[in-house]
C-alpha atoms as a PDB file:
ATOM      1  CA  MET A   1       0.000   0.000   0.000  1.00  0.00           C
ATOM      2  CA  ARG A   2       2.836   2.360   0.782  1.00  0.00           C
ATOM      3  CA  ARG A   3       4.316   2.011  -2.634  1.00  0.00           C
ATOM      4  CA  SER A   4       1.043   2.689  -4.421  1.00  0.00           C
ATOM      5  CA  PHE A   5       0.743   6.105  -2.676  1.00  0.00           C
ATOM      6  CA  THR A   6       4.364   7.253  -2.670  1.00  0.00           C
ATOM      7  CA  LEU A   7       4.967   7.488  -6.426  1.00  0.00           C
ATOM      8  CA  PRO A   8       1.794   9.468  -7.261  1.00  0.00           C
ATOM      9  CA  ALA A   9       2.524  11.848  -4.404  1.00  0.00           C
ATOM     10  CA  LEU A  10       6.004  12.538  -5.725  1.00  0.00           C
ATOM     11  CA  THR A  11       4.656  12.989  -9.237  1.00  0.00           C
ATOM     12  CA  VAL A  12       2.079  15.533  -8.084  1.00  0.00           C
ATOM     13  CA  ALA A  13       4.700  17.445  -6.100  1.00  0.00           C
ATOM     14  CA  ALA A  14       7.088  17.587  -9.051  1.00  0.00           C
ATOM     15  CA  THR A  15       4.343  18.718 -11.408  1.00  0.00           C
ATOM     16  CA  ALA A  16       3.255  21.461  -9.018  1.00  0.00           C
ATOM     17  CA  ALA A  17       6.826  22.681  -8.668  1.00  0.00           C
ATOM     18  CA  ALA A  18       7.277  22.782 -12.435  1.00  0.00           C
ATOM     19  CA  LEU A  19       4.071  24.756 -12.884  1.00  0.00           C
ATOM     20  CA  THR A  20       5.087  27.198 -10.180  1.00  0.00           C
ATOM     21  CA  VAL A  21       8.382  27.925 -11.912  1.00  0.00           C
ATOM     22  CA  GLY A  22       6.824  28.081 -15.358  1.00  0.00           C
ATOM     23  CA  VAL A  23       4.137  30.621 -14.609  1.00  0.00           C
ATOM     24  CA  SER A  24       5.909  32.793 -12.048  1.00  0.00           C
ATOM     25  CA  PRO A  25       5.739  36.355 -13.391  1.00  0.00           C
ATOM     26  CA  ALA A  26       8.810  38.568 -13.567  1.00  0.00           C
ATOM     27  CA  SER A  27       8.913  40.815 -10.543  1.00  0.00           C
ATOM     28  CA  ALA A  28      10.643  43.777 -12.145  1.00  0.00           C
ATOM     29  CA  HIS A  29      10.309  45.642 -15.422  1.00  0.00           C
ATOM     30  CA  GLY A  30      11.831  48.764 -16.924  1.00  0.00           C
ATOM     31  CA  TYR A  31      13.436  50.444 -19.910  1.00  0.00           C
ATOM     32  CA  ILE A  32      15.169  53.668 -20.927  1.00  0.00           C
ATOM     33  CA  SER A  33      12.646  56.276 -22.036  1.00  0.00           C
ATOM     34  CA  SER A  34      15.041  59.182 -22.677  1.00  0.00           C
ATOM     35  CA  PRO A  35      16.993  59.425 -24.891  1.00  0.00           C
ATOM     36  CA  PRO A  36      14.545  57.016 -26.533  1.00  0.00           C
ATOM     37  CA  SER A  37      15.724  53.401 -26.462  1.00  0.00           C
ATOM     38  CA  ARG A  38      14.930  51.063 -29.342  1.00  0.00           C
ATOM     39  CA  GLN A  39      11.946  49.651 -27.476  1.00  0.00           C
ATOM     40  CA  ALA A  40      10.741  53.178 -26.653  1.00  0.00           C
ATOM     41  CA  ASN A  41      10.905  54.096 -30.352  1.00  0.00           C
ATOM     42  CA  CYS A  42       8.905  50.970 -31.164  1.00  0.00           C
ATOM     43  CA  ALA A  43       6.282  51.715 -28.498  1.00  0.00           C
ATOM     44  CA  SER A  44       5.847  55.315 -29.669  1.00  0.00           C
ATOM     45  CA  GLY A  45       5.537  54.295 -33.342  1.00  0.00           C
ATOM     46  CA  ALA A  46       8.771  56.032 -34.393  1.00  0.00           C
ATOM     47  CA  VAL A  47       9.828  52.636 -35.766  1.00  0.00           C
ATOM     48  CA  ALA A  48       7.173  50.416 -37.345  1.00  0.00           C
ATOM     49  CA  ASN A  49       6.652  46.652 -37.475  1.00  0.00           C
ATOM     50  CA  CYS A  50       8.445  45.850 -34.228  1.00  0.00           C
ATOM     51  CA  GLY A  51       6.177  43.037 -33.109  1.00  0.00           C
ATOM     52  CA  ASP A  52       5.223  42.448 -29.473  1.00  0.00           C
ATOM     53  CA  ILE A  53       7.794  44.877 -28.093  1.00  0.00           C
ATOM     54  CA  VAL A  54       5.329  47.640 -29.027  1.00  0.00           C
ATOM     55  CA  TYR A  55       3.168  46.502 -26.103  1.00  0.00           C
ATOM     56  CA  GLU A  56       5.958  45.451 -23.738  1.00  0.00           C
ATOM     57  CA  PRO A  57       8.907  47.856 -23.998  1.00  0.00           C
ATOM     58  CA  GLN A  58       9.557  47.233 -20.315  1.00  0.00           C
ATOM     59  CA  SER A  59       9.870  43.436 -20.651  1.00  0.00           C
ATOM     60  CA  VAL A  60      13.290  42.915 -22.279  1.00  0.00           C
ATOM     61  CA  GLU A  61      14.441  40.471 -19.606  1.00  0.00           C
ATOM     62  CA  ALA A  62      17.129  37.816 -20.061  1.00  0.00           C
ATOM     63  CA  ALA A  63      20.057  36.231 -18.257  1.00  0.00           C
ATOM     64  CA  LYS A  64      22.772  38.546 -17.004  1.00  0.00           C
ATOM     65  CA  GLY A  65      25.911  39.120 -19.044  1.00  0.00           C
ATOM     66  CA  SER A  66      24.548  39.458 -22.589  1.00  0.00           C
ATOM     67  CA  MET A  67      25.845  42.103 -24.998  1.00  0.00           C
ATOM     68  CA  GLN A  68      22.741  41.962 -27.227  1.00  0.00           C
ATOM     69  CA  CYS A  69      19.949  44.522 -27.265  1.00  0.00           C
ATOM     70  CA  ASN A  70      17.354  41.847 -26.468  1.00  0.00           C
ATOM     71  CA  GLY A  71      19.595  40.208 -23.864  1.00  0.00           C
ATOM     72  CA  GLY A  72      20.054  37.122 -26.029  1.00  0.00           C
ATOM     73  CA  GLY A  73      16.656  35.753 -25.039  1.00  0.00           C
ATOM     74  CA  SER A  74      14.082  34.110 -27.254  1.00  0.00           C
ATOM     75  CA  ARG A  75      11.929  37.248 -27.620  1.00  0.00           C
ATOM     76  CA  PHE A  76      12.297  40.691 -29.166  1.00  0.00           C
ATOM     77  CA  ALA A  77      15.052  39.771 -31.652  1.00  0.00           C
ATOM     78  CA  VAL A  78      13.962  42.808 -33.689  1.00  0.00           C
ATOM     79  CA  LEU A  79      15.942  44.951 -31.233  1.00  0.00           C
ATOM     80  CA  ASN A  80      19.172  43.382 -32.512  1.00  0.00           C
ATOM     81  CA  ASP A  81      18.446  44.276 -36.151  1.00  0.00           C
ATOM     82  CA  ASN A  82      20.945  47.027 -36.966  1.00  0.00           C
ATOM     83  CA  SER A  83      19.665  47.253 -40.543  1.00  0.00           C
ATOM     84  CA  ARG A  84      16.533  49.019 -39.296  1.00  0.00           C
ATOM     85  CA  ASN A  85      16.334  52.781 -39.413  1.00  0.00           C
ATOM     86  CA  TRP A  86      16.649  53.317 -35.662  1.00  0.00           C
ATOM     87  CA  PRO A  87      16.459  57.047 -34.835  1.00  0.00           C
ATOM     88  CA  ALA A  88      19.666  58.352 -33.236  1.00  0.00           C
ATOM     89  CA  ALA A  89      19.344  61.078 -30.595  1.00  0.00           C
ATOM     90  CA  SER A  90      21.802  63.959 -31.010  1.00  0.00           C
ATOM     91  CA  VAL A  91      23.826  64.214 -27.803  1.00  0.00           C
ATOM     92  CA  GLY A  92      27.023  65.656 -26.385  1.00  0.00           C
ATOM     93  CA  GLN A  93      29.880  63.786 -24.708  1.00  0.00           C
ATOM     94  CA  THR A  94      27.886  63.510 -21.466  1.00  0.00           C
ATOM     95  CA  VAL A  95      24.398  62.002 -21.539  1.00  0.00           C
ATOM     96  CA  THR A  96      21.774  61.402 -18.853  1.00  0.00           C
ATOM     97  CA  PHE A  97      19.864  58.163 -19.405  1.00  0.00           C
ATOM     98  CA  ASN A  98      16.408  58.046 -17.813  1.00  0.00           C
ATOM     99  CA  TRP A  99      14.766  54.747 -16.896  1.00  0.00           C
ATOM    100  CA  VAL A 100      11.062  54.238 -16.231  1.00  0.00           C
ATOM    101  CA  LEU A 101      10.423  51.248 -13.950  1.00  0.00           C
ATOM    102  CA  THR A 102       6.975  49.675 -14.026  1.00  0.00           C
ATOM    103  CA  ALA A 103       7.942  47.356 -11.183  1.00  0.00           C
ATOM    104  CA  ARG A 104      10.869  47.851  -8.845  1.00  0.00           C
ATOM    105  CA  HIS A 105      13.355  45.282  -7.678  1.00  0.00           C
ATOM    106  CA  SER A 106      16.457  45.306  -5.517  1.00  0.00           C
ATOM    107  CA  THR A 107      19.413  46.039  -7.758  1.00  0.00           C
ATOM    108  CA  THR A 108      23.097  45.198  -7.866  1.00  0.00           C
ATOM    109  CA  THR A 109      24.407  47.338 -10.727  1.00  0.00           C
ATOM    110  CA  TRP A 110      23.475  49.375 -13.778  1.00  0.00           C
ATOM    111  CA  GLU A 111      26.008  49.059 -16.615  1.00  0.00           C
ATOM    112  CA  TYR A 112      26.538  51.028 -19.832  1.00  0.00           C
ATOM    113  CA  PHE A 113      28.565  49.899 -22.866  1.00  0.00           C
ATOM    114  CA  ILE A 114      29.533  50.987 -26.354  1.00  0.00           C
ATOM    115  CA  GLY A 115      30.734  47.860 -28.101  1.00  0.00           C
ATOM    116  CA  ASN A 116      33.036  46.032 -25.678  1.00  0.00           C
ATOM    117  CA  THR A 117      33.937  49.231 -23.810  1.00  0.00           C
ATOM    118  CA  LYS A 118      32.251  49.653 -20.456  1.00  0.00           C
ATOM    119  CA  LEU A 119      31.402  53.329 -20.098  1.00  0.00           C
ATOM    120  CA  ALA A 120      30.113  53.286 -16.534  1.00  0.00           C
ATOM    121  CA  THR A 121      28.849  51.129 -13.668  1.00  0.00           C
ATOM    122  CA  PHE A 122      26.475  52.371 -10.958  1.00  0.00           C
ATOM    123  CA  ASN A 123      26.341  50.119  -7.879  1.00  0.00           C
ATOM    124  CA  ASP A 124      23.077  50.187  -5.919  1.00  0.00           C
ATOM    125  CA  GLY A 125      24.268  47.567  -3.417  1.00  0.00           C
ATOM    126  CA  GLY A 126      20.951  45.703  -3.406  1.00  0.00           C
ATOM    127  CA  ALA A 127      18.752  48.781  -2.881  1.00  0.00           C
ATOM    128  CA  GLN A 128      15.273  49.043  -4.379  1.00  0.00           C
ATOM    129  CA  PRO A 129      15.000  51.846  -6.971  1.00  0.00           C
ATOM    130  CA  GLY A 130      12.127  54.273  -7.289  1.00  0.00           C
ATOM    131  CA  ALA A 131       9.690  54.553 -10.183  1.00  0.00           C
ATOM    132  CA  THR A 132      12.360  56.324 -12.240  1.00  0.00           C
ATOM    133  CA  LYS A 133      16.150  56.158 -12.314  1.00  0.00           C
ATOM    134  CA  SER A 134      18.690  58.436 -14.002  1.00  0.00           C
ATOM    135  CA  HIS A 135      22.399  58.009 -14.695  1.00  0.00           C
ATOM    136  CA  THR A 136      24.778  60.549 -16.231  1.00  0.00           C
ATOM    137  CA  VAL A 137      27.367  58.800 -18.400  1.00  0.00           C
ATOM    138  CA  ASN A 138      30.551  60.234 -19.919  1.00  0.00           C
ATOM    139  CA  MET A 139      31.185  58.961 -23.450  1.00  0.00           C
ATOM    140  CA  ALA A 140      34.488  60.758 -24.042  1.00  0.00           C
ATOM    141  CA  GLY A 141      36.517  59.133 -26.799  1.00  0.00           C
ATOM    142  CA  PHE A 142      33.478  58.255 -28.910  1.00  0.00           C
ATOM    143  CA  SER A 143      31.881  60.323 -31.659  1.00  0.00           C
ATOM    144  CA  GLY A 144      29.317  59.963 -34.411  1.00  0.00           C
ATOM    145  CA  ARG A 145      26.614  57.341 -34.456  1.00  0.00           C
ATOM    146  CA  GLN A 146      26.898  54.777 -31.661  1.00  0.00           C
ATOM    147  CA  THR A 147      24.657  52.262 -29.913  1.00  0.00           C
ATOM    148  CA  VAL A 148      24.746  52.311 -26.123  1.00  0.00           C
ATOM    149  CA  LEU A 149      23.783  49.054 -24.389  1.00  0.00           C
ATOM    150  CA  ALA A 150      22.422  49.425 -20.850  1.00  0.00           C
ATOM    151  CA  ARG A 151      21.974  46.525 -18.398  1.00  0.00           C
ATOM    152  CA  TRP A 152      19.934  46.631 -15.213  1.00  0.00           C
ATOM    153  CA  ASN A 153      21.164  43.731 -13.061  1.00  0.00           C
ATOM    154  CA  VAL A 154      18.603  42.465 -10.563  1.00  0.00           C
ATOM    155  CA  ALA A 155      20.011  41.594  -7.129  1.00  0.00           C
ATOM    156  CA  ASP A 156      18.197  38.403  -6.178  1.00  0.00           C
ATOM    157  CA  THR A 157      17.751  36.639  -9.524  1.00  0.00           C
ATOM    158  CA  ALA A 158      20.013  35.618 -12.402  1.00  0.00           C
ATOM    159  CA  MET A 159      18.208  38.031 -14.713  1.00  0.00           C
ATOM    160  CA  ALA A 160      18.813  41.510 -16.100  1.00  0.00           C
ATOM    161  CA  PHE A 161      16.816  44.027 -18.132  1.00  0.00           C
ATOM    162  CA  TYR A 162      18.285  45.439 -21.340  1.00  0.00           C
ATOM    163  CA  SER A 163      17.916  48.682 -23.299  1.00  0.00           C
ATOM    164  CA  CYS A 164      19.811  49.841 -26.388  1.00  0.00           C
ATOM    165  CA  VAL A 165      19.921  53.559 -27.183  1.00  0.00           C
ATOM    166  CA  ASP A 166      21.107  54.873 -30.556  1.00  0.00           C
ATOM    167  CA  VAL A 167      22.898  58.216 -30.284  1.00  0.00           C
ATOM    168  CA  ASN A 168      24.789  60.610 -32.522  1.00  0.00           C
ATOM    169  CA  ILE A 169      27.601  61.929 -30.313  1.00  0.00           C
ATOM    170  CA  GLY A 170      28.571  65.441 -31.268  1.00  0.00           C
ATOM    171  CA  GLY A 171      25.556  65.755 -33.539  1.00  0.00           C
ATOM    172  CA  GLY A 172      24.041  68.574 -31.486  1.00  0.00           C
ATOM    173  CA  GLY A 173      22.333  68.535 -28.128  1.00  0.00           C
ATOM    174  CA  GLY A 174      24.290  68.079 -24.920  1.00  0.00           C
ATOM    175  CA  ASN A 175      24.840  70.825 -22.388  1.00  0.00           C
ATOM    176  CA  PRO A 176      24.202  74.458 -23.457  1.00  0.00           C
ATOM    177  CA  PRO A 177      27.072  76.961 -23.291  1.00  0.00           C
ATOM    178  CA  THR A 178      27.733  78.381 -19.839  1.00  0.00           C
ATOM    179  CA  THR A 179      27.508  81.995 -21.083  1.00  0.00           C
ATOM    180  CA  PRO A 180      25.319  83.406 -23.855  1.00  0.00           C
ATOM    181  CA  PRO A 181      26.976  84.839 -26.962  1.00  0.00           C
ATOM    182  CA  THR A 182      27.691  88.555 -26.698  1.00  0.00           C
ATOM    183  CA  THR A 183      27.625  89.360 -30.434  1.00  0.00           C
ATOM    184  CA  PRO A 184      24.118  89.840 -31.815  1.00  0.00           C
ATOM    185  CA  PRO A 185      23.254  88.353 -35.196  1.00  0.00           C
ATOM    186  CA  THR A 186      24.259  90.634 -38.075  1.00  0.00           C
ATOM    187  CA  ASN A 187      20.994  90.162 -39.949  1.00  0.00           C
ATOM    188  CA  PRO A 188      18.133  89.508 -37.558  1.00  0.00           C
ATOM    189  CA  PRO A 189      14.934  88.377 -39.260  1.00  0.00           C
ATOM    190  CA  THR A 190      12.470  91.152 -40.006  1.00  0.00           C
ATOM    191  CA  THR A 191       9.454  88.864 -39.701  1.00  0.00           C
ATOM    192  CA  PRO A 192       8.801  85.902 -37.428  1.00  0.00           C
ATOM    193  CA  PRO A 193       9.050  82.452 -39.014  1.00  0.00           C
ATOM    194  CA  THR A 194       5.779  81.106 -40.345  1.00  0.00           C
ATOM    195  CA  THR A 195       6.654  77.410 -40.128  1.00  0.00           C
ATOM    196  CA  PRO A 196       5.446  75.874 -36.844  1.00  0.00           C
ATOM    197  CA  PRO A 197       7.845  73.689 -34.858  1.00  0.00           C
ATOM    198  CA  THR A 198       7.994  70.094 -36.050  1.00  0.00           C
ATOM    199  CA  ASN A 199       7.437  68.696 -32.555  1.00  0.00           C
ATOM    200  CA  PRO A 200       5.013  70.934 -30.645  1.00  0.00           C
ATOM    201  CA  PRO A 201       4.557  70.138 -26.945  1.00  0.00           C
ATOM    202  CA  ALA A 202       2.133  67.305 -26.302  1.00  0.00           C
ATOM    203  CA  SER A 203      -1.153  68.434 -24.811  1.00  0.00           C
ATOM    204  CA  GLY A 204      -4.802  67.514 -24.676  1.00  0.00           C
ATOM    205  CA  THR A 205      -6.157  64.264 -23.304  1.00  0.00           C
ATOM    206  CA  TRP A 206      -3.633  61.713 -22.031  1.00  0.00           C
ATOM    207  CA  ARG A 207      -3.139  58.753 -24.385  1.00  0.00           C
ATOM    208  CA  ALA A 208      -1.061  55.581 -24.247  1.00  0.00           C
ATOM    209  CA  GLY A 209       1.790  55.212 -26.731  1.00  0.00           C
ATOM    210  CA  VAL A 210       2.785  58.905 -26.720  1.00  0.00           C
ATOM    211  CA  ALA A 211       6.322  60.170 -26.040  1.00  0.00           C
ATOM    212  CA  TYR A 212       5.891  62.876 -23.384  1.00  0.00           C
ATOM    213  CA  SER A 213       8.565  65.371 -22.290  1.00  0.00           C
ATOM    214  CA  PRO A 214       8.919  67.400 -19.079  1.00  0.00           C
ATOM    215  CA  GLY A 215       6.527  70.342 -19.126  1.00  0.00           C
ATOM    216  CA  ASN A 216       3.910  68.710 -21.373  1.00  0.00           C
ATOM    217  CA  THR A 217       0.393  69.128 -20.011  1.00  0.00           C
ATOM    218  CA  VAL A 218      -2.492  66.700 -20.376  1.00  0.00           C
ATOM    219  CA  THR A 219      -5.938  66.144 -18.957  1.00  0.00           C
ATOM    220  CA  TYR A 220      -7.206  62.878 -17.541  1.00  0.00           C
ATOM    221  CA  ASN A 221     -10.666  62.356 -16.039  1.00  0.00           C
ATOM    222  CA  GLY A 222     -11.198  66.105 -16.008  1.00  0.00           C
ATOM    223  CA  ARG A 223      -7.982  66.952 -14.161  1.00  0.00           C
ATOM    224  CA  SER A 224      -4.794  68.570 -15.493  1.00  0.00           C
ATOM    225  CA  TYR A 225      -1.337  67.051 -15.109  1.00  0.00           C
ATOM    226  CA  THR A 226       2.184  68.224 -15.988  1.00  0.00           C
ATOM    227  CA  CYS A 227       4.847  65.769 -17.161  1.00  0.00           C
ATOM    228  CA  ARG A 228       7.780  65.504 -14.726  1.00  0.00           C
ATOM    229  CA  GLN A 229       9.925  62.870 -16.493  1.00  0.00           C
ATOM    230  CA  ALA A 230      10.414  62.030 -20.175  1.00  0.00           C
ATOM    231  CA  HIS A 231       8.758  58.714 -21.019  1.00  0.00           C
ATOM    232  CA  THR A 232       6.575  56.873 -23.507  1.00  0.00           C
ATOM    233  CA  SER A 233       3.151  56.319 -21.964  1.00  0.00           C
ATOM    234  CA  LEU A 234       1.673  52.866 -21.508  1.00  0.00           C
ATOM    235  CA  THR A 235      -1.698  51.530 -20.432  1.00  0.00           C
ATOM    236  CA  GLY A 236      -1.548  51.337 -16.653  1.00  0.00           C
ATOM    237  CA  TRP A 237       0.592  54.478 -16.445  1.00  0.00           C
ATOM    238  CA  GLU A 238      -2.346  56.874 -16.344  1.00  0.00           C
ATOM    239  CA  PRO A 239      -1.302  60.143 -14.601  1.00  0.00           C
ATOM    240  CA  PRO A 240      -3.014  59.407 -11.260  1.00  0.00           C
ATOM    241  CA  ASN A 241      -1.185  56.061 -11.094  1.00  0.00           C
ATOM    242  CA  VAL A 242       2.376  57.344 -11.597  1.00  0.00           C
ATOM    243  CA  PRO A 243       3.034  60.521  -9.570  1.00  0.00           C
ATOM    244  CA  ALA A 244       6.742  60.114 -10.374  1.00  0.00           C
ATOM    245  CA  LEU A 245       5.888  60.872 -14.000  1.00  0.00           C
ATOM    246  CA  TRP A 246       2.957  63.318 -13.651  1.00  0.00           C
ATOM    247  CA  ALA A 247       2.283  66.206 -11.254  1.00  0.00           C
ATOM    248  CA  ALA A 248      -1.352  67.080 -10.647  1.00  0.00           C
ATOM    249  CA  ALA A 249      -2.248  70.720 -11.244  1.00  0.00           C
END
């Protein structure tokens, strides 16, 4: 009788353990929203035909140690496709990378690379980050178009989150001059320009899938909000739900 009960019991226990591992959801998610990472450009529609990453820019999770934009996992291989027309943000030698974290997890390190060169490491020592995280990285020695790989290494799992950001170093942007020019233009325009800016500030009703910048104003459920942190909006990130991203008027 003992034997007839022991084997089924072990089988049930093993099956339950396998199911528990298989369906356990990831406990942390995040990606770089500014300058726009490849997944941010997919989510905002700046790059078309990206597949599922459009809906899950925060879910590029894979084992630690990869040098691929998708982390070398089985999903989101489109992020590794360098033949695509990924927009490159014009930046200076020093760039601040802004993460948006949809779920927070204790963290060991944040790492930044161009090719095999490690640009910077930020050690959190196992601390839990907030809803946003920013790192200022010096890219001295590099110029022109480059792809920066960022890795967020989770403290208590073997996993990391990955973001690749395409930049044009020295292509404009960066820090403004410390003093304004003293010589006025020799031929100031006699009439104001008639062409409106190509990227007017976002306003109106909040929508998912929009790239918002600090200072943008939106309305949601009859209330006004001002953007505090550059990000691409997602369902679930409605202004009342993410005070780190939106300040109520």
